[in-house]
């Protein structure tokens, strides 16, 4: 059985890309991986057979580990992130061994951040849905990134924290014009 990869995990398969969501109705065969590659027209999905390429894990889907975070590997072990030698971030295993996070990611990935809970990046053009079903659009207003409720034209958008505190949790429903099917645990703010 091939290794599993996480949506948005950065990998190298001849070129770098993000592990992509497959479109509704599309089905991957065992031993295939779909990655999203940036190009001038947007993202382009490429499906590759795993038995004919080498895949190198670069960065977990939750970003680079930072000191104080807890990460879980593919078999469910928790690793504690801390500054090690030369101020390099290391991950400490349950038995107390510290290793560079890149090595742990390669050997024991995919890694998933379990503490603090991952918060998705806010990208201009995103559409989020609050707990009441209202849509919020990510906008840039004079260099300030924030959220504006659909149909509202306030001069300044609300911060993510303000919207989450009053209307959350929020779930990502559209990115780059594509409907996103995402579980509330990794798509909620």
Foldseek 3Di string as FASTA:
>chain_A
DDDDADAQFWKDWVHIFGFHDDDPPDDDDPQKTWTWDQDPVGTDIDIDRNVVTDIAGDAANLGHDDAQWWKAFPVGWIWGWDQDPPRAIWTATPVGDTDHPSVCVRPGDPIDTVPPQREDDQDAQWWKAFPVRWIWGWHAQPNDTATDTPPDDDNDHDHPVVCCVVTDQIFTQDDPNHGDDDDCRNGTD
